[in-house]
């Protein structure tokens, strides 16, 4: 082989090798650059994740602080608790005292009414004797000063009893009622219906809403 052709072949081979080396170096540079870009991307994503995590932790801390603040606000001082306890105890005692006062007044009123009824029961026979005595006075002696004085005393007693709440029970002509009347006999009467009070034998009285003495009556058969 001639020397010129051999030299030319060697030069061509050397040029091809250099071209391959250049291509390899370019590929390596591209790979390195892509790797660096991927690394930068990963670092950016990592930084973003770290930032998001930091934000979430900060929000959680803020909420925790708010809850702690609310808890602190809800928590009462010992002095406030003592004041509320004393106020509650005072209200309870006032309510108990009010109930005791009402109960005492009711019992006092009942005891007074029982005592009044006892006195009235003792006075009623005196009223009966006044009525019997005045009814037995002859007509020609009704103007006697003594009889007139007894009649005034009798009327005064009735006035005072009426002011105290003592009133006679109306019975003649009324339908017989065992709550107010005490039937001691039955009579015949064509003018009145059966079961009607025909005659009052002894006057009955009431004190306020309770019967002190039942009326003694006769009832139509």
N, C-alpha and C. Protein backbone atom coordinates (compact mmCIF):
# COMPACT_ATOMS: atom_id res chain seq x y z
N UNK A 1 0.88 -1.18 0.00
CA UNK A 1 0.00 0.00 0.00
C UNK A 1 0.91 1.23 0.00
N UNK A 2 0.46 2.16 -0.78
CA UNK A 2 1.30 3.35 -0.84
C UNK A 2 1.22 4.10 0.47
N UNK A 3 2.22 4.87 0.77
CA UNK A 3 2.31 5.58 2.03
C UNK A 3 1.24 6.67 2.13
N UNK A 4 0.91 7.27 1.04
CA UNK A 4 -0.09 8.35 1.07
C UNK A 4 -1.47 7.81 1.40
N UNK A 5 -1.79 6.68 0.82
CA UNK A 5 -3.13 6.10 1.07
C UNK A 5 -3.21 5.63 2.50
N UNK A 6 -2.15 5.01 2.99
CA UNK A 6 -2.14 4.53 4.39
C UNK A 6 -2.27 5.66 5.37
N UNK A 7 -1.62 6.75 5.16
CA UNK A 7 -1.69 7.93 6.04
C UNK A 7 -3.08 8.52 6.04
N UNK A 8 -3.65 8.51 4.82
CA UNK A 8 -5.02 9.08 4.71
C UNK A 8 -5.99 8.20 5.49
N UNK A 9 -5.86 6.92 5.44
CA UNK A 9 -6.76 6.01 6.18
C UNK A 9 -6.63 6.21 7.67
N UNK A 10 -5.37 6.39 8.11
CA UNK A 10 -5.14 6.61 9.55
C UNK A 10 -5.79 7.91 10.00
N UNK A 11 -5.64 8.93 9.18
CA UNK A 11 -6.24 10.23 9.53
C UNK A 11 -7.76 10.14 9.60
N UNK A 12 -8.35 9.39 8.65
CA UNK A 12 -9.82 9.24 8.66
C UNK A 12 -10.29 8.51 9.92
N UNK A 13 -9.56 7.48 10.29
CA UNK A 13 -9.93 6.71 11.50
C UNK A 13 -9.82 7.57 12.74
N UNK A 14 -8.74 8.38 12.77
CA UNK A 14 -8.56 9.27 13.92
C UNK A 14 -9.69 10.29 13.98
N UNK A 15 -10.08 10.78 12.84
CA UNK A 15 -11.20 11.77 12.81
C UNK A 15 -12.49 11.14 13.27
N UNK A 16 -12.75 9.88 12.85
CA UNK A 16 -13.98 9.21 13.27
C UNK A 16 -13.98 8.97 14.78
N UNK A 17 -12.80 8.60 15.32
CA UNK A 17 -12.73 8.37 16.77
C UNK A 17 -13.01 9.65 17.57
N UNK A 18 -12.42 10.76 17.06
CA UNK A 18 -12.67 12.05 17.72
C UNK A 18 -14.14 12.44 17.67
N UNK A 19 -14.76 12.13 16.49
CA UNK A 19 -16.20 12.47 16.36
C UNK A 19 -17.03 11.66 17.35
N UNK A 20 -16.66 10.38 17.48
CA UNK A 20 -17.41 9.55 18.44
C UNK A 20 -17.20 10.05 19.86
N UNK A 21 -15.92 10.47 20.14
CA UNK A 21 -15.67 10.99 21.50
C UNK A 21 -16.48 12.25 21.75
N UNK A 22 -16.56 13.11 20.73
CA UNK A 22 -17.34 14.36 20.88
C UNK A 22 -18.81 14.03 21.12
N UNK A 23 -19.33 13.04 20.33
CA UNK A 23 -20.74 12.65 20.51
C UNK A 23 -20.97 12.10 21.91
N UNK A 24 -20.02 11.27 22.36
CA UNK A 24 -20.18 10.68 23.71
C UNK A 24 -20.15 11.76 24.77
N UNK A 25 -19.17 12.72 24.58
CA UNK A 25 -19.10 13.81 25.57
C UNK A 25 -20.37 14.65 25.57
N UNK A 26 -20.95 14.87 24.35
CA UNK A 26 -22.22 15.65 24.27
C UNK A 26 -23.35 14.91 24.95
N UNK A 27 -23.38 13.60 24.73
CA UNK A 27 -24.45 12.81 25.37
C UNK A 27 -24.29 12.84 26.87
N UNK A 28 -22.99 12.73 27.32
CA UNK A 28 -22.77 12.77 28.77
C UNK A 28 -23.17 14.12 29.36
N UNK A 29 -22.83 15.18 28.61
CA UNK A 29 -23.23 16.51 29.11
C UNK A 29 -24.75 16.65 29.19
N UNK A 30 -25.46 16.14 28.15
CA UNK A 30 -26.94 16.21 28.16
C UNK A 30 -27.50 15.40 29.33
N UNK A 31 -26.92 14.23 29.55
CA UNK A 31 -27.41 13.39 30.66
C UNK A 31 -27.18 14.07 31.99
N UNK A 32 -25.98 14.68 32.09
CA UNK A 32 -25.66 15.37 33.36
C UNK A 32 -26.60 16.54 33.58
N UNK A 33 -26.85 17.29 32.50
CA UNK A 33 -27.76 18.44 32.62
C UNK A 33 -29.17 17.99 32.98
N UNK A 34 -29.66 16.90 32.35
CA UNK A 34 -31.00 16.37 32.66
C UNK A 34 -31.07 15.90 34.10
N UNK A 35 -29.98 15.28 34.55
CA UNK A 35 -29.95 14.80 35.94
C UNK A 35 -30.00 15.97 36.91
N UNK A 36 -29.21 17.04 36.56
CA UNK A 36 -29.22 18.22 37.43
C UNK A 36 -30.59 18.88 37.47
N UNK A 37 -31.21 18.94 36.26
CA UNK A 37 -32.57 19.52 36.22
C UNK A 37 -33.54 18.70 37.04
N UNK A 38 -33.46 17.37 36.91
CA UNK A 38 -34.35 16.50 37.70
C UNK A 38 -34.09 16.68 39.19
N UNK A 39 -32.79 16.84 39.54
CA UNK A 39 -32.45 17.04 40.95
C UNK A 39 -33.02 18.36 41.46
N UNK A 40 -32.88 19.41 40.58
CA UNK A 40 -33.45 20.70 40.97
C UNK A 40 -34.96 20.60 41.15
N UNK A 41 -35.59 19.84 40.22
CA UNK A 41 -37.06 19.67 40.32
C UNK A 41 -37.43 18.96 41.61
N UNK A 42 -36.65 17.90 41.92
CA UNK A 42 -36.92 17.16 43.16
C UNK A 42 -36.72 18.04 44.37
N UNK A 43 -35.66 18.86 44.31
CA UNK A 43 -35.41 19.75 45.44
C UNK A 43 -36.52 20.78 45.59
N UNK A 44 -37.00 21.31 44.44
CA UNK A 44 -38.11 22.28 44.49
C UNK A 44 -39.36 21.64 45.06
N UNK A 45 -39.63 20.39 44.56
CA UNK A 45 -40.83 19.70 45.08
C UNK A 45 -40.67 19.41 46.56
N UNK A 46 -39.44 19.02 46.96
CA UNK A 46 -39.22 18.74 48.39
C UNK A 46 -39.42 20.00 49.23
N UNK A 47 -38.86 21.12 48.67
CA UNK A 47 -39.04 22.39 49.38
C UNK A 47 -40.52 22.76 49.46
N UNK A 48 -41.27 22.53 48.39
CA UNK A 48 -42.71 22.83 48.40
C UNK A 48 -43.42 21.98 49.44
N UNK A 49 -43.06 20.66 49.47
CA UNK A 49 -43.68 19.78 50.46
C UNK A 49 -43.33 20.23 51.87
N UNK A 50 -42.05 20.65 52.05
CA UNK A 50 -41.65 21.12 53.37
C UNK A 50 -42.42 22.38 53.76
N UNK A 51 -42.60 23.27 52.78
CA UNK A 51 -43.36 24.49 53.06
C UNK A 51 -44.81 24.17 53.41
N UNK A 52 -45.44 23.26 52.66
CA UNK A 52 -46.82 22.88 52.94
C UNK A 52 -46.95 22.25 54.32
N UNK A 53 -45.97 21.37 54.65
CA UNK A 53 -45.98 20.73 55.97
C UNK A 53 -45.81 21.78 57.08
N UNK A 54 -44.91 22.76 56.81
CA UNK A 54 -44.70 23.82 57.81
C UNK A 54 -45.97 24.65 57.99
N UNK A 55 -46.65 24.95 56.86
CA UNK A 55 -47.90 25.70 56.96
C UNK A 55 -48.95 24.93 57.74
N UNK A 56 -49.09 23.62 57.47
CA UNK A 56 -50.06 22.80 58.18
C UNK A 56 -49.76 22.75 59.67
N UNK A 57 -48.46 22.61 59.99
CA UNK A 57 -48.08 22.59 61.41
C UNK A 57 -48.37 23.92 62.08
N UNK A 58 -48.13 25.02 61.34
CA UNK A 58 -48.40 26.35 61.90
C UNK A 58 -49.90 26.52 62.16
N UNK A 59 -50.73 26.07 61.19
CA UNK A 59 -52.18 26.16 61.39
C UNK A 59 -52.63 25.31 62.57
N UNK A 60 -52.07 24.12 62.68
CA UNK A 60 -52.42 23.24 63.80
C UNK A 60 -52.04 23.88 65.13
N UNK A 61 -50.85 24.54 65.14
CA UNK A 61 -50.43 25.23 66.37
C UNK A 61 -51.37 26.38 66.71
N UNK A 62 -51.80 27.11 65.64
CA UNK A 62 -52.73 28.22 65.87
C UNK A 62 -54.05 27.72 66.45
N UNK A 63 -54.57 26.61 65.87
CA UNK A 63 -55.82 26.05 66.38
C UNK A 63 -55.65 25.57 67.81
N UNK A 64 -54.51 24.96 68.07
CA UNK A 64 -54.25 24.50 69.44
C UNK A 64 -54.20 25.66 70.40
N UNK A 65 -53.57 26.77 69.96
CA UNK A 65 -53.53 27.97 70.82
C UNK A 65 -54.92 28.53 71.04
N UNK A 66 -55.75 28.51 69.97
CA UNK A 66 -57.12 29.01 70.12
C UNK A 66 -57.90 28.15 71.10
N UNK A 67 -57.76 26.83 70.97
CA UNK A 67 -58.46 25.94 71.90
C UNK A 67 -58.01 26.17 73.33
N UNK A 68 -56.68 26.36 73.46
CA UNK A 68 -56.17 26.62 74.80
C UNK A 68 -56.73 27.93 75.34
N UNK A 69 -56.83 28.93 74.44
CA UNK A 69 -57.39 30.21 74.86
C UNK A 69 -58.84 30.08 75.28
N UNK A 70 -59.62 29.31 74.48
CA UNK A 70 -61.02 29.10 74.85
C UNK A 70 -61.13 28.35 76.15
N UNK A 71 -60.29 27.36 76.31
CA UNK A 71 -60.33 26.59 77.56
C UNK A 71 -60.01 27.48 78.75
N UNK A 72 -59.03 28.35 78.53
CA UNK A 72 -58.68 29.25 79.62
C UNK A 72 -59.83 30.20 79.94
N UNK A 73 -60.54 30.64 78.87
CA UNK A 73 -61.68 31.53 79.10
C UNK A 73 -62.81 30.81 79.84
N UNK A 74 -63.04 29.52 79.46
CA UNK A 74 -64.13 28.78 80.10
C UNK A 74 -63.80 28.42 81.54
N UNK A 75 -62.56 28.24 81.81
CA UNK A 75 -62.18 27.88 83.17
C UNK A 75 -62.45 29.05 84.11
N UNK A 76 -63.19 28.77 85.18
CA UNK A 76 -63.60 29.82 86.10
C UNK A 76 -62.63 29.92 87.27
N UNK A 77 -62.60 31.11 87.79
CA UNK A 77 -61.77 31.34 88.96
C UNK A 77 -62.44 30.75 90.19
N UNK A 78 -61.67 30.39 91.17
CA UNK A 78 -62.23 29.80 92.40
C UNK A 78 -63.16 30.78 93.10
N UNK A 79 -62.82 32.06 93.04
CA UNK A 79 -63.67 33.06 93.69
C UNK A 79 -65.03 33.14 93.00
N UNK A 80 -65.02 33.08 91.66
CA UNK A 80 -66.29 33.10 90.92
C UNK A 80 -67.12 31.87 91.25
N UNK A 81 -66.47 30.72 91.36
CA UNK A 81 -67.20 29.50 91.72
C UNK A 81 -67.80 29.61 93.12
N UNK A 82 -67.05 30.17 94.05
CA UNK A 82 -67.57 30.35 95.41
C UNK A 82 -68.74 31.32 95.42
N UNK A 83 -68.64 32.40 94.64
CA UNK A 83 -69.73 33.38 94.57
C UNK A 83 -70.99 32.73 94.01
N UNK A 84 -70.83 31.96 92.92
CA UNK A 84 -72.00 31.28 92.34
C UNK A 84 -72.60 30.28 93.33
N UNK A 85 -71.75 29.56 94.03
CA UNK A 85 -72.25 28.60 95.02
C UNK A 85 -73.02 29.29 96.14
N UNK A 86 -72.50 30.42 96.60
CA UNK A 86 -73.18 31.17 97.66
C UNK A 86 -74.51 31.75 97.16
N UNK A 87 -74.50 32.25 95.93
CA UNK A 87 -75.75 32.79 95.36
C UNK A 87 -76.79 31.69 95.22
N UNK A 88 -76.37 30.52 94.76
CA UNK A 88 -77.30 29.40 94.62
C UNK A 88 -77.85 28.97 95.98
N UNK A 89 -76.98 28.93 96.98
CA UNK A 89 -77.41 28.56 98.33
C UNK A 89 -78.40 29.59 98.88
N UNK A 90 -78.12 30.87 98.62
CA UNK A 90 -79.02 31.93 99.09
C UNK A 90 -80.39 31.84 98.43
N UNK A 91 -80.41 31.57 97.12
CA UNK A 91 -81.68 31.43 96.42
C UNK A 91 -82.49 30.26 96.97
N UNK A 92 -81.80 29.16 97.24
CA UNK A 92 -82.48 27.98 97.79
C UNK A 92 -83.08 28.28 99.17
N UNK A 93 -82.30 28.96 100.01
CA UNK A 93 -82.78 29.29 101.35
C UNK A 93 -83.96 30.27 101.29
N UNK A 94 -83.90 31.22 100.37
CA UNK A 94 -85.01 32.16 100.22
C UNK A 94 -86.28 31.44 99.76
N UNK A 95 -86.11 30.49 98.82
CA UNK A 95 -87.27 29.71 98.35
C UNK A 95 -87.85 28.86 99.48
N UNK A 96 -86.97 28.23 100.27
CA UNK A 96 -87.44 27.43 101.39
C UNK A 96 -88.15 28.31 102.43
N UNK A 97 -87.61 29.49 102.67
CA UNK A 97 -88.25 30.39 103.64
C UNK A 97 -89.61 30.85 103.14
N UNK A 98 -89.71 31.12 101.84
CA UNK A 98 -91.00 31.55 101.27
C UNK A 98 -92.04 30.43 101.39
N UNK A 99 -91.63 29.19 101.11
CA UNK A 99 -92.54 28.06 101.26
C UNK A 99 -92.94 27.88 102.73
N UNK A 100 -91.98 28.04 103.62
CA UNK A 100 -92.29 27.93 105.05
C UNK A 100 -93.26 29.03 105.49
N UNK A 101 -93.06 30.24 104.97
CA UNK A 101 -93.95 31.35 105.34
C UNK A 101 -95.37 31.08 104.86
N UNK A 102 -95.52 30.62 103.61
CA UNK A 102 -96.86 30.33 103.08
C UNK A 102 -97.52 29.19 103.86
N UNK A 103 -96.72 28.15 104.15
CA UNK A 103 -97.26 27.01 104.90
C UNK A 103 -97.68 27.44 106.31
N UNK A 104 -96.88 28.30 106.93
CA UNK A 104 -97.20 28.78 108.28
C UNK A 104 -98.47 29.63 108.27
N UNK A 105 -98.59 30.49 107.25
CA UNK A 105 -99.80 31.32 107.16
C UNK A 105 -101.04 30.45 106.94
N UNK A 106 -100.91 29.42 106.11
CA UNK A 106 -102.05 28.53 105.88
C UNK A 106 -102.43 27.79 107.15
N UNK A 107 -101.44 27.25 107.86
CA UNK A 107 -101.72 26.55 109.11
C UNK A 107 -102.30 27.51 110.15
N UNK A 108 -101.78 28.73 110.18
CA UNK A 108 -102.30 29.72 111.12
C UNK A 108 -103.76 30.05 110.81
N UNK A 109 -104.06 30.21 109.51
CA UNK A 109 -105.44 30.50 109.12
C UNK A 109 -106.37 29.34 109.46
N UNK A 110 -105.89 28.10 109.23
CA UNK A 110 -106.71 26.94 109.57
C UNK A 110 -106.96 26.85 111.07
N UNK A 111 -105.91 27.10 111.85
CA UNK A 111 -106.07 27.07 113.31
C UNK A 111 -107.04 28.16 113.78
N UNK A 112 -106.95 29.34 113.16
CA UNK A 112 -107.86 30.43 113.53
C UNK A 112 -109.30 30.06 113.20
N UNK A 113 -109.50 29.46 112.01
CA UNK A 113 -110.86 29.06 111.62
C UNK A 113 -111.40 27.98 112.57
N UNK A 114 -110.55 27.05 112.97
CA UNK A 114 -110.99 26.02 113.90
C UNK A 114 -111.39 26.63 115.25
N UNK A 115 -110.56 27.58 115.72
CA UNK A 115 -110.90 28.25 116.98
C UNK A 115 -112.18 29.06 116.86
N UNK A 116 -112.34 29.75 115.72
CA UNK A 116 -113.55 30.55 115.51
C UNK A 116 -114.79 29.66 115.47
N UNK A 117 -114.68 28.52 114.78
CA UNK A 117 -115.84 27.61 114.71
C UNK A 117 -116.20 27.09 116.10
N UNK A 118 -115.19 26.83 116.92
CA UNK A 118 -115.46 26.36 118.28
C UNK A 118 -116.23 27.40 119.08
N UNK A 119 -115.81 28.67 118.96
CA UNK A 119 -116.51 29.74 119.68
C UNK A 119 -117.93 29.92 119.15
N UNK A 120 -118.06 29.85 117.81
CA UNK A 120 -119.39 30.04 117.20
C UNK A 120 -120.34 28.94 117.66
N UNK A 121 -119.84 27.71 117.70
CA UNK A 121 -120.69 26.60 118.16
C UNK A 121 -121.20 26.83 119.58
N UNK A 122 -120.39 27.48 120.41
CA UNK A 122 -120.80 27.76 121.78
C UNK A 122 -121.77 28.94 121.87
N UNK A 123 -121.68 29.86 120.90
CA UNK A 123 -122.55 31.04 120.91
C UNK A 123 -123.93 30.72 120.33
N UNK A 124 -123.98 29.79 119.38
CA UNK A 124 -125.25 29.50 118.71
C UNK A 124 -126.37 29.09 119.67
N UNK A 125 -126.11 28.27 120.70
CA UNK A 125 -127.20 27.97 121.65
C UNK A 125 -127.74 29.23 122.35
N UNK A 126 -126.88 30.21 122.60
CA UNK A 126 -127.33 31.47 123.19
C UNK A 126 -128.27 32.19 122.24
N UNK A 127 -127.92 32.17 120.94
CA UNK A 127 -128.79 32.78 119.93
C UNK A 127 -130.14 32.05 119.90
N UNK A 128 -130.09 30.71 119.99
CA UNK A 128 -131.35 29.94 120.01
C UNK A 128 -132.22 30.34 121.20
N UNK A 129 -131.63 30.52 122.36
CA UNK A 129 -132.41 30.90 123.56
C UNK A 129 -133.00 32.31 123.41
N UNK A 130 -132.23 33.22 122.81
CA UNK A 130 -132.78 34.55 122.53
C UNK A 130 -134.02 34.44 121.64
N UNK A 131 -133.91 33.64 120.59
CA UNK A 131 -135.03 33.51 119.65
C UNK A 131 -136.24 32.87 120.32
N UNK A 132 -136.01 31.83 121.12
CA UNK A 132 -137.13 31.20 121.83
C UNK A 132 -137.78 32.16 122.82
N UNK A 133 -136.92 32.88 123.54
CA UNK A 133 -137.47 33.81 124.53
C UNK A 133 -138.26 34.93 123.88
N UNK A 134 -137.75 35.51 122.82
CA UNK A 134 -138.46 36.60 122.14
C UNK A 134 -139.72 36.11 121.45
N UNK A 135 -139.68 34.86 120.95
CA UNK A 135 -140.88 34.33 120.31
C UNK A 135 -141.98 34.05 121.32
N UNK A 136 -141.63 33.82 122.59
CA UNK A 136 -142.63 33.52 123.63
C UNK A 136 -143.23 34.77 124.26
N UNK A 137 -142.74 35.94 123.93
CA UNK A 137 -143.25 37.18 124.51
C UNK A 137 -144.62 37.48 123.92
N UNK A 138 -145.62 37.76 124.74
CA UNK A 138 -146.95 38.12 124.22
C UNK A 138 -146.89 39.43 123.45
N UNK A 139 -147.84 39.59 122.56
CA UNK A 139 -147.86 40.79 121.72
C UNK A 139 -148.02 42.07 122.54
N UNK A 140 -148.77 41.98 123.64
CA UNK A 140 -149.02 43.20 124.42
C UNK A 140 -147.82 43.62 125.27
N UNK A 141 -146.80 42.75 125.34
CA UNK A 141 -145.62 43.10 126.14
C UNK A 141 -144.35 43.30 125.28
N UNK A 142 -144.50 43.31 124.00
CA UNK A 142 -143.34 43.47 123.14
C UNK A 142 -142.74 44.87 123.21
N UNK A 143 -143.57 45.83 123.67
CA UNK A 143 -143.05 47.19 123.80
C UNK A 143 -142.43 47.44 125.16
N UNK A 144 -142.36 46.42 125.99
CA UNK A 144 -141.75 46.58 127.31
C UNK A 144 -140.26 46.92 127.12
N UNK A 145 -139.73 47.87 127.90
CA UNK A 145 -138.32 48.26 127.74
C UNK A 145 -137.34 47.10 127.88
N UNK A 146 -137.65 46.18 128.79
CA UNK A 146 -136.75 45.04 128.96
C UNK A 146 -136.72 44.17 127.70
N UNK A 147 -137.93 43.89 127.17
CA UNK A 147 -138.03 43.07 125.96
C UNK A 147 -137.37 43.79 124.79
N UNK A 148 -137.55 45.07 124.72
CA UNK A 148 -136.92 45.85 123.64
C UNK A 148 -135.39 45.80 123.75
N UNK A 149 -134.91 45.89 124.97
CA UNK A 149 -133.45 45.81 125.18
C UNK A 149 -132.90 44.44 124.78
N UNK A 150 -133.59 43.34 125.16
CA UNK A 150 -133.16 42.01 124.78
C UNK A 150 -133.16 41.81 123.26
N UNK A 151 -134.17 42.40 122.63
CA UNK A 151 -134.25 42.29 121.17
C UNK A 151 -133.07 43.01 120.51
N UNK A 152 -132.66 44.15 121.05
CA UNK A 152 -131.53 44.89 120.50
C UNK A 152 -130.22 44.12 120.69
N UNK A 153 -130.07 43.49 121.87
CA UNK A 153 -128.87 42.69 122.11
C UNK A 153 -128.81 41.52 121.13
N UNK A 154 -129.94 40.88 120.90
CA UNK A 154 -130.03 39.76 119.97
C UNK A 154 -129.64 40.19 118.55
N UNK A 155 -130.17 41.29 118.09
CA UNK A 155 -129.86 41.78 116.75
C UNK A 155 -128.39 42.20 116.63
N UNK A 156 -127.84 42.77 117.71
CA UNK A 156 -126.43 43.15 117.69
C UNK A 156 -125.53 41.93 117.56
N UNK A 157 -125.89 40.85 118.24
CA UNK A 157 -125.10 39.63 118.14
C UNK A 157 -125.17 39.05 116.73
N UNK A 158 -126.35 39.10 116.13
CA UNK A 158 -126.47 38.61 114.75
C UNK A 158 -125.63 39.45 113.79
N UNK A 159 -125.60 40.76 114.03
CA UNK A 159 -124.81 41.66 113.17
C UNK A 159 -123.31 41.34 113.27
N UNK A 160 -122.85 41.12 114.49
CA UNK A 160 -121.43 40.81 114.68
C UNK A 160 -121.07 39.44 114.09
N UNK A 161 -121.96 38.47 114.25
CA UNK A 161 -121.70 37.17 113.65
C UNK A 161 -121.66 37.25 112.13
N UNK A 162 -122.56 38.06 111.57
CA UNK A 162 -122.59 38.22 110.12
C UNK A 162 -121.29 38.88 109.64
N UNK A 163 -120.79 39.88 110.38
CA UNK A 163 -119.54 40.54 110.02
C UNK A 163 -118.36 39.58 110.11
N UNK A 164 -118.44 38.59 111.00
CA UNK A 164 -117.36 37.61 111.17
C UNK A 164 -117.45 36.49 110.14
N UNK A 165 -118.50 36.48 109.31
CA UNK A 165 -118.64 35.45 108.29
C UNK A 165 -119.61 34.35 108.64
N UNK A 166 -120.39 34.54 109.70
CA UNK A 166 -121.37 33.52 110.11
C UNK A 166 -122.73 33.90 109.53
N UNK A 167 -123.32 32.99 108.76
CA UNK A 167 -124.60 33.27 108.11
C UNK A 167 -125.53 32.07 108.28
N UNK A 168 -126.85 32.35 108.42
CA UNK A 168 -127.81 31.25 108.55
C UNK A 168 -128.00 30.53 107.22
N UNK A 169 -128.35 29.24 107.30
CA UNK A 169 -128.59 28.43 106.11
C UNK A 169 -130.05 28.53 105.72
N UNK A 170 -130.30 28.88 104.47
CA UNK A 170 -131.67 28.93 103.96
C UNK A 170 -132.13 27.50 103.67
N UNK A 171 -133.28 27.13 104.16
CA UNK A 171 -133.70 25.73 103.99
C UNK A 171 -135.17 25.56 103.60
N UNK A 172 -136.10 26.33 104.16
CA UNK A 172 -137.53 26.14 103.88
C UNK A 172 -137.81 26.39 102.40
N UNK A 173 -138.46 25.41 101.75
CA UNK A 173 -138.76 25.51 100.33
C UNK A 173 -137.61 25.05 99.44
N UNK A 174 -136.45 24.75 100.03
CA UNK A 174 -135.31 24.28 99.26
C UNK A 174 -135.31 22.75 99.17
N UNK A 175 -134.68 22.22 98.13
CA UNK A 175 -134.55 20.78 98.02
C UNK A 175 -133.62 20.27 99.11
N UNK A 176 -133.98 19.15 99.69
CA UNK A 176 -133.20 18.61 100.79
C UNK A 176 -131.78 18.28 100.33
N UNK A 177 -130.81 18.77 101.10
CA UNK A 177 -129.39 18.54 100.79
C UNK A 177 -128.72 18.07 102.07
N UNK A 178 -128.25 16.82 102.10
CA UNK A 178 -127.65 16.30 103.33
C UNK A 178 -126.37 17.03 103.75
N UNK A 179 -125.77 17.78 102.82
CA UNK A 179 -124.58 18.55 103.17
C UNK A 179 -124.91 19.74 104.06
N UNK A 180 -126.18 20.19 104.02
CA UNK A 180 -126.58 21.37 104.80
C UNK A 180 -127.75 21.09 105.76
N UNK A 181 -128.52 20.05 105.47
CA UNK A 181 -129.74 19.80 106.23
C UNK A 181 -129.66 18.48 106.98
N UNK A 182 -130.33 18.46 108.13
CA UNK A 182 -130.45 17.25 108.93
C UNK A 182 -131.93 16.94 109.11
N UNK A 183 -132.43 15.95 108.36
CA UNK A 183 -133.86 15.62 108.38
C UNK A 183 -134.17 14.76 109.59
N UNK A 184 -135.11 15.22 110.43
CA UNK A 184 -135.49 14.49 111.64
C UNK A 184 -136.90 13.91 111.54
N UNK A 185 -137.65 14.35 110.53
CA UNK A 185 -139.01 13.83 110.36
C UNK A 185 -139.50 14.09 108.94
N UNK A 186 -140.54 13.32 108.55
CA UNK A 186 -141.16 13.49 107.25
C UNK A 186 -142.61 13.91 107.46
N UNK A 187 -143.09 14.79 106.58
CA UNK A 187 -144.46 15.30 106.68
C UNK A 187 -145.11 15.23 105.32
N UNK A 188 -146.44 15.31 105.35
CA UNK A 188 -147.20 15.38 104.10
C UNK A 188 -147.55 16.83 103.80
N UNK A 189 -147.36 17.20 102.58
CA UNK A 189 -147.65 18.57 102.17
C UNK A 189 -147.97 18.55 100.68
N UNK A 190 -149.24 18.94 100.37
CA UNK A 190 -149.68 18.93 98.97
C UNK A 190 -149.13 20.11 98.18
N UNK A 191 -148.69 21.15 98.87
CA UNK A 191 -148.21 22.35 98.18
C UNK A 191 -146.75 22.23 97.75
N UNK A 192 -145.99 21.34 98.40
CA UNK A 192 -144.56 21.19 98.11
C UNK A 192 -144.28 19.83 97.48
N UNK A 193 -143.25 19.78 96.67
CA UNK A 193 -142.86 18.54 96.02
C UNK A 193 -142.15 17.63 97.01
N UNK A 194 -142.13 16.35 96.67
CA UNK A 194 -141.47 15.38 97.53
C UNK A 194 -139.98 15.68 97.60
N UNK A 195 -139.38 15.55 98.80
CA UNK A 195 -137.97 15.81 99.00
C UNK A 195 -137.65 17.27 99.28
N UNK A 196 -138.71 18.09 99.46
CA UNK A 196 -138.51 19.51 99.75
C UNK A 196 -138.60 19.74 101.25
N UNK A 197 -137.79 20.68 101.76
CA UNK A 197 -137.81 21.02 103.17
C UNK A 197 -139.10 21.79 103.47
N UNK A 198 -139.89 21.22 104.37
CA UNK A 198 -141.18 21.85 104.68
C UNK A 198 -141.09 22.78 105.89
N UNK A 199 -140.26 22.45 106.88
CA UNK A 199 -140.21 23.25 108.11
C UNK A 199 -138.79 23.23 108.70
N UNK A 200 -138.42 24.36 109.30
CA UNK A 200 -137.13 24.46 109.97
C UNK A 200 -137.35 24.35 111.47
N UNK A 201 -136.79 23.29 112.05
CA UNK A 201 -136.96 23.06 113.47
C UNK A 201 -135.84 23.71 114.29
N UNK A 202 -134.67 23.78 113.74
CA UNK A 202 -133.55 24.48 114.36
C UNK A 202 -132.69 25.08 113.25
N UNK A 203 -132.36 26.35 113.41
CA UNK A 203 -131.63 27.07 112.37
C UNK A 203 -130.19 26.57 112.30
N UNK A 204 -129.73 26.41 111.06
CA UNK A 204 -128.35 26.02 110.83
C UNK A 204 -127.51 27.21 110.41
N UNK A 205 -126.21 27.10 110.62
CA UNK A 205 -125.30 28.22 110.32
C UNK A 205 -124.06 27.72 109.60
N UNK A 206 -123.51 28.64 108.82
CA UNK A 206 -122.24 28.39 108.12
C UNK A 206 -121.23 29.45 108.53
N UNK A 207 -119.97 29.02 108.63
CA UNK A 207 -118.86 29.95 108.87
C UNK A 207 -117.98 29.94 107.62
N UNK A 208 -118.03 31.05 106.88
CA UNK A 208 -117.35 31.15 105.58
C UNK A 208 -117.88 30.06 104.65
N UNK A 209 -117.07 29.07 104.28
CA UNK A 209 -117.52 28.04 103.35
C UNK A 209 -117.77 26.70 104.02
N UNK A 210 -117.74 26.63 105.32
CA UNK A 210 -117.94 25.36 106.03
C UNK A 210 -119.17 25.45 106.93
N UNK A 211 -119.80 24.31 107.10
CA UNK A 211 -121.01 24.23 107.93
C UNK A 211 -120.61 24.13 109.40
N UNK A 212 -121.13 25.05 110.20
CA UNK A 212 -120.91 24.99 111.65
C UNK A 212 -121.96 24.10 112.30
N UNK A 213 -123.20 24.26 111.85
CA UNK A 213 -124.29 23.43 112.37
C UNK A 213 -125.32 23.23 111.27
N UNK A 214 -125.71 21.96 111.06
CA UNK A 214 -126.71 21.66 110.04
C UNK A 214 -128.09 22.13 110.49
N UNK A 215 -128.90 22.48 109.53
CA UNK A 215 -130.28 22.86 109.84
C UNK A 215 -131.10 21.61 110.16
N UNK A 216 -131.82 21.65 111.28
CA UNK A 216 -132.70 20.56 111.64
C UNK A 216 -134.05 20.82 110.98
N UNK A 217 -134.50 19.90 110.09
CA UNK A 217 -135.67 20.17 109.27
C UNK A 217 -136.59 18.96 109.17
N UNK A 218 -137.79 19.25 108.67
CA UNK A 218 -138.72 18.20 108.29
C UNK A 218 -138.87 18.25 106.78
N UNK A 219 -139.00 17.05 106.18
CA UNK A 219 -138.97 16.95 104.74
C UNK A 219 -140.29 16.35 104.25
N UNK A 220 -140.76 16.83 103.09
CA UNK A 220 -141.98 16.31 102.49
C UNK A 220 -141.72 14.90 102.01
N UNK A 221 -142.68 14.01 102.30
CA UNK A 221 -142.53 12.61 101.88
C UNK A 221 -142.53 12.49 100.34
